[in-house]
Amino acid sequence: MGDPAALDRLPAGYRQLYADVLRGAAGDPRVRAMWLAGSLGRGVADAGSDLDVVLAVRADSVAEFGAQWRDWLARITPTVLAKDLPGMPGSFYSLTPSCLRLDVVCEQAGAADPEALERRVLVLDKDGTANTPAKSVREHRPCGPDPAKLTGLTEECLRQLALFPAAVVARQDWLLGVVGVQSVQMMLYQLFVEANQPLPPMGVKQWSAKLKPHQRQICAALPAPTASRDGVLTAMRAASAAFREAARAALDAAGAPWPAELDAAVQNHLSAQLGWTD
């Protein structure tokens, strides 16, 4: 099937590693098919992408391959780190001596669903039976933000804010306060990403690309917390204000109600405990 052109976007060394993996898969009778997955499979790989591979293993050999994957990997490349993925026999992530990242998922041959196949590139098919994506998959995908996810993020952020005066300020635990601020900032990022759905295909590590320009500006302008009273309080107040404003807009656009009773209780609590006013 040839070498996928997307491999050219990865740093030097990945094309040879891919060739070695493909050789190992082709020479193992237990492996019946192989795909490129992750950002390579979605066609959006860049210099920060990993070599993500999915192997279809014969049903009667899945357990054996799962027990022997380290031997299989050792025949392909030396590694300085190789860890199995819990609950997924034969699946692992690894790092070579030149710090190339190889992640492999093992599944039973014929078990892939059409939606998963749509995000892969088939590079080996010994039996000619590897499924092709069903055209109807795209038609049934959600095409916008999930109101339940937006609501869940909003409620969790408000819950954590309610804990802030007692868990952080009263105890003067400014290290925990730094973590708390970062948690609110992360929820703000997640809120923006969900509000921007559907996103074009992109890799997990393409972080800023999931935000609109004004959202990036909001996140970038938030003060970084320092482990001191002023540093934590200033950063938390800014992060919580930015979150509440963004969450109101996101919920409204998605047609979801604002949790007014919860928000009022939390704001009254912060006012009483910290002197903050909306």
Protein backbone atom coordinates (compact mmCIF):
# COMPACT_ATOMS: atom_id res chain seq x y z
CA MET A 1 0.00 0.00 0.00
CA GLY A 2 3.04 2.27 0.12
CA ASP A 3 4.30 4.61 2.78
CA PRO A 4 1.74 7.22 3.85
CA ALA A 5 2.86 10.73 2.93
CA ALA A 6 1.86 11.93 6.42
CA LEU A 7 5.01 10.27 7.78
CA ASP A 8 7.04 13.06 6.16
CA ARG A 9 5.62 15.47 8.74
CA LEU A 10 7.20 13.55 11.62
CA PRO A 11 10.83 14.04 12.71
CA ALA A 12 13.65 12.05 11.17
CA GLY A 13 13.66 8.42 12.22
CA TYR A 14 9.91 7.83 12.26
CA ARG A 15 9.77 6.59 8.66
CA GLN A 16 12.30 3.87 9.46
CA LEU A 17 10.49 3.01 12.68
CA TYR A 18 7.25 2.72 10.71
CA ALA A 19 8.94 0.46 8.18
CA ASP A 20 10.24 -1.75 10.99
CA VAL A 21 6.79 -1.99 12.60
CA LEU A 22 5.19 -2.80 9.25
CA ARG A 23 7.82 -5.48 8.63
CA GLY A 24 7.12 -6.95 12.06
CA ALA A 25 3.38 -7.00 11.44
CA ALA A 26 3.74 -8.44 7.96
CA GLY A 27 5.99 -11.23 9.20
CA ASP A 28 3.76 -12.27 12.11
CA PRO A 29 0.97 -14.65 11.05
CA ARG A 30 -1.08 -13.64 14.09
CA VAL A 31 -1.35 -10.06 12.83
CA ARG A 32 -3.87 -9.80 9.99
CA ALA A 33 -4.09 -6.06 9.44
CA MET A 34 -2.45 -2.81 10.51
CA TRP A 35 -3.55 0.79 10.52
CA LEU A 36 -1.99 4.14 11.29
CA ALA A 37 -4.10 5.86 13.92
CA GLY A 38 -4.00 9.00 16.06
CA SER A 39 -3.11 12.21 14.24
CA LEU A 40 -1.49 10.19 11.43
CA GLY A 41 -4.74 8.33 10.86
CA ARG A 42 -6.73 11.56 10.87
CA GLY A 43 -4.32 13.21 8.44
CA VAL A 44 -3.30 16.02 10.79
CA ALA A 45 0.12 14.84 11.99
CA ASP A 46 2.90 17.31 12.69
CA ALA A 47 6.34 17.29 14.30
CA GLY A 48 4.81 16.68 17.74
CA SER A 49 2.84 13.59 16.72
CA ASP A 50 3.52 10.01 17.81
CA LEU A 51 3.62 6.90 15.66
CA ASP A 52 0.23 5.43 16.60
CA VAL A 53 -0.52 1.97 15.23
CA VAL A 54 -3.48 -0.41 15.51
CA LEU A 55 -2.93 -4.12 14.95
CA ALA A 56 -5.74 -6.56 14.16
CA VAL A 57 -4.76 -9.89 15.69
CA ARG A 58 -6.39 -13.22 14.91
CA ALA A 59 -9.06 -14.07 17.50
CA ASP A 60 -7.32 -17.26 18.63
CA SER A 61 -4.02 -15.40 19.10
CA VAL A 62 -5.05 -12.28 21.02
CA ALA A 63 -4.20 -13.76 24.42
CA GLU A 64 -0.88 -15.10 23.16
CA PHE A 65 0.08 -11.80 21.53
CA GLY A 66 -0.95 -9.99 24.70
CA ALA A 67 1.44 -12.13 26.73
CA GLN A 68 4.30 -11.85 24.23
CA TRP A 69 4.12 -8.27 22.98
CA ARG A 70 7.44 -7.36 24.60
CA ASP A 71 9.19 -10.03 22.53
CA TRP A 72 7.42 -8.75 19.42
CA LEU A 73 8.49 -5.19 20.18
CA ALA A 74 12.09 -6.20 20.90
CA ARG A 75 12.37 -7.68 17.40
CA ILE A 76 11.30 -4.34 15.94
CA THR A 77 13.22 -1.73 17.92
CA PRO A 78 15.18 -1.24 21.13
CA THR A 79 13.34 0.78 23.76
CA VAL A 80 14.16 2.63 26.96
CA LEU A 81 10.52 2.55 28.11
CA ALA A 82 7.68 0.17 27.29
CA LYS A 83 4.46 0.01 29.31
CA ASP A 84 1.31 -1.96 28.65
CA LEU A 85 -2.09 -0.28 28.47
CA PRO A 86 -4.22 -1.73 31.31
CA GLY A 87 -7.19 -3.76 30.18
CA MET A 88 -5.98 -3.89 26.57
CA PRO A 89 -3.87 -7.05 26.06
CA GLY A 90 -1.07 -6.53 23.56
CA SER A 91 -1.43 -2.75 23.64
CA PHE A 92 1.40 -0.53 24.84
CA TYR A 93 3.24 2.76 24.63
CA SER A 94 7.00 2.98 24.25
CA LEU A 95 10.00 5.23 23.78
CA THR A 96 13.07 4.37 21.71
CA PRO A 97 16.67 5.35 22.60
CA SER A 98 16.34 8.30 20.18
CA CYS A 99 13.09 9.33 21.94
CA LEU A 100 10.77 8.27 19.14
CA ARG A 101 7.30 7.48 20.49
CA LEU A 102 5.58 4.30 19.35
CA ASP A 103 2.07 3.53 20.65
CA VAL A 104 0.37 0.29 19.63
CA VAL A 105 -3.23 -0.81 20.18
CA CYS A 106 -4.06 -4.47 19.68
CA GLU A 107 -7.60 -5.55 18.82
CA GLN A 108 -9.26 -8.72 17.63
CA ALA A 109 -9.40 -8.97 13.85
CA GLY A 110 -12.77 -7.85 12.54
CA ALA A 111 -13.73 -6.13 15.79
CA ALA A 112 -13.21 -2.50 14.70
CA ASP A 113 -16.36 -0.43 14.37
CA PRO A 114 -16.90 1.77 11.29
CA GLU A 115 -16.46 5.02 13.20
CA ALA A 116 -13.04 3.93 14.46
CA LEU A 117 -11.98 2.85 10.98
CA GLU A 118 -12.88 6.26 9.65
CA ARG A 119 -10.07 7.74 11.76
CA ARG A 120 -7.39 5.32 10.53
CA VAL A 121 -5.24 4.67 7.47
CA LEU A 122 -5.06 1.03 6.40
CA VAL A 123 -1.46 0.01 5.60
CA LEU A 124 -1.63 -3.81 5.78
CA ASP A 125 -4.51 -6.15 4.99
CA LYS A 126 -3.43 -9.77 4.62
CA ASP A 127 -6.91 -11.19 4.18
CA GLY A 128 -8.46 -8.39 2.14
CA THR A 129 -11.28 -8.24 4.67
CA ALA A 130 -10.40 -5.14 6.71
CA ASN A 131 -13.63 -3.18 6.88
CA THR A 132 -14.09 0.21 5.25
CA PRO A 133 -15.90 3.01 7.09
CA ALA A 134 -19.65 3.12 6.74
CA LYS A 135 -20.70 6.30 4.95
CA SER A 136 -23.60 6.71 7.35
CA VAL A 137 -21.33 7.22 10.37
CA ARG A 138 -20.88 10.94 9.78
CA GLU A 139 -24.63 11.50 9.46
CA HIS A 140 -25.31 10.39 13.02
CA ARG A 141 -22.56 12.30 14.79
CA PRO A 142 -23.43 15.15 17.13
CA CYS A 143 -22.81 18.36 15.23
CA GLY A 144 -22.48 20.85 18.06
CA PRO A 145 -21.69 21.38 21.74
CA ASP A 146 -23.10 18.92 24.25
CA PRO A 147 -25.30 20.87 26.71
CA ALA A 148 -24.80 18.16 29.35
CA LYS A 149 -21.01 18.52 29.19
CA LEU A 150 -21.22 22.29 29.41
CA THR A 151 -23.56 22.03 32.39
CA GLY A 152 -21.33 19.46 34.07
CA LEU A 153 -18.25 21.66 33.72
CA THR A 154 -20.12 24.66 35.08
CA GLU A 155 -21.48 22.79 38.10
CA GLU A 156 -18.08 21.27 38.89
CA CYS A 157 -16.33 24.63 38.69
CA LEU A 158 -18.87 26.20 41.04
CA ARG A 159 -18.55 23.24 43.42
CA GLN A 160 -14.78 23.67 43.57
CA LEU A 161 -15.17 27.40 44.18
CA ALA A 162 -17.42 26.63 47.13
CA LEU A 163 -14.58 24.56 48.66
CA PHE A 164 -11.94 27.20 48.07
CA PRO A 165 -12.36 29.37 51.22
CA ALA A 166 -12.21 26.45 53.67
CA ALA A 167 -9.83 24.07 51.88
CA VAL A 168 -7.31 26.69 50.75
CA VAL A 169 -7.69 30.08 52.41
CA ALA A 170 -8.56 28.99 55.95
CA ARG A 171 -5.74 26.48 55.95
CA GLN A 172 -3.39 28.86 54.18
CA ASP A 173 -2.49 26.00 51.87
CA TRP A 174 -1.21 28.08 48.98
CA LEU A 175 0.28 25.11 47.17
CA LEU A 176 -3.18 23.56 47.04
CA GLY A 177 -4.43 26.97 45.98
CA VAL A 178 -2.13 26.92 42.96
CA VAL A 179 -3.58 23.53 41.98
CA GLY A 180 -7.11 24.86 42.51
CA VAL A 181 -6.52 27.83 40.22
CA GLN A 182 -5.03 25.58 37.56
CA SER A 183 -8.07 23.32 37.82
CA VAL A 184 -10.43 26.23 37.14
CA GLN A 185 -8.24 27.36 34.25
CA MET A 186 -8.34 23.83 32.82
CA MET A 187 -12.13 23.72 33.10
CA LEU A 188 -12.30 27.05 31.28
CA TYR A 189 -10.22 25.56 28.47
CA GLN A 190 -12.44 22.45 28.36
CA LEU A 191 -15.53 24.66 28.28
CA PHE A 192 -14.18 26.58 25.30
CA VAL A 193 -13.30 23.37 23.46
CA GLU A 194 -16.76 21.91 23.99
CA ALA A 195 -18.40 25.19 22.97
CA ASN A 196 -16.42 25.05 19.70
CA GLN A 197 -17.71 21.63 18.67
CA PRO A 198 -17.62 20.20 16.09
CA LEU A 199 -13.88 20.72 15.66
CA PRO A 200 -11.95 19.70 12.57
CA PRO A 201 -9.79 16.58 12.98
CA MET A 202 -6.66 17.30 14.99
CA GLY A 203 -4.30 15.65 17.44
CA VAL A 204 -4.67 15.62 21.21
CA LYS A 205 -1.53 17.70 21.68
CA GLN A 206 -2.67 20.41 19.26
CA TRP A 207 -3.78 22.39 22.27
CA SER A 208 -4.23 26.01 21.22
CA ALA A 209 -5.62 25.05 17.81
CA LYS A 210 -8.88 24.02 19.49
CA LEU A 211 -9.56 27.59 20.63
CA LYS A 212 -10.81 30.63 18.77
CA PRO A 213 -8.52 33.70 18.82
CA HIS A 214 -10.49 35.57 21.48
CA GLN A 215 -10.59 32.43 23.66
CA ARG A 216 -6.82 32.10 23.43
CA GLN A 217 -6.50 35.72 24.49
CA ILE A 218 -8.73 35.15 27.52
CA CYS A 219 -6.72 32.10 28.63
CA ALA A 220 -3.37 33.77 27.96
CA ALA A 221 -4.34 36.87 29.94
CA LEU A 222 -5.17 34.96 33.13
CA PRO A 223 -2.57 35.56 35.85
CA ALA A 224 -0.44 32.57 36.77
CA PRO A 225 -0.90 31.60 40.43
CA THR A 226 2.02 31.80 42.85
CA ALA A 227 2.10 29.98 46.17
CA SER A 228 1.18 32.98 48.31
CA ARG A 229 -2.05 34.45 49.61
CA ASP A 230 -2.12 37.36 47.16
CA GLY A 231 -0.93 35.20 44.28
CA VAL A 232 -3.61 32.55 44.78
CA LEU A 233 -6.50 34.91 45.57
CA THR A 234 -5.76 37.19 42.62
CA ALA A 235 -5.43 34.30 40.17
CA MET A 236 -8.50 32.45 41.45
CA ARG A 237 -10.70 35.51 41.30
CA ALA A 238 -9.64 36.22 37.72
CA ALA A 239 -10.06 32.58 36.64
CA SER A 240 -13.48 32.20 38.28
CA ALA A 241 -14.75 35.45 36.75
CA ALA A 242 -13.55 34.40 33.29
CA PHE A 243 -15.14 30.98 33.69
CA ARG A 244 -18.52 32.27 34.81
CA GLU A 245 -18.71 34.75 31.95
CA ALA A 246 -17.72 32.13 29.37
CA ALA A 247 -20.03 29.51 30.87
CA ARG A 248 -23.05 31.81 30.78
CA ALA A 249 -22.45 32.50 27.10
CA ALA A 250 -21.81 28.84 26.24
CA LEU A 251 -24.88 27.54 28.07
CA ASP A 252 -27.07 30.23 26.55
CA ALA A 253 -25.83 29.44 23.03
CA ALA A 254 -26.46 25.71 23.62
CA GLY A 255 -29.96 26.34 24.95
CA ALA A 256 -29.09 25.05 28.44
CA PRO A 257 -30.24 26.81 31.61
CA TRP A 258 -27.83 28.63 33.88
CA PRO A 259 -27.65 26.97 37.36
CA ALA A 260 -28.82 30.17 39.01
CA GLU A 261 -29.54 28.74 42.48
CA LEU A 262 -26.14 27.02 42.70
CA ASP A 263 -24.32 30.08 41.38
CA ALA A 264 -26.08 32.42 43.81
CA ALA A 265 -25.22 30.18 46.77
CA VAL A 266 -21.56 30.02 45.78
CA GLN A 267 -21.27 33.75 45.13
CA ASN A 268 -22.90 34.54 48.48
CA HIS A 269 -20.48 32.14 50.17
CA LEU A 270 -17.43 33.73 48.50
CA SER A 271 -18.73 37.18 49.46
CA ALA A 272 -19.18 36.18 53.09
CA GLN A 273 -15.88 34.33 53.40
CA LEU A 274 -13.57 36.37 51.19
CA GLY A 275 -15.35 39.67 50.62
CA TRP A 276 -15.66 38.98 46.89
CA THR A 277 -18.54 40.58 45.07
CA ASP A 278 -19.83 39.71 41.63
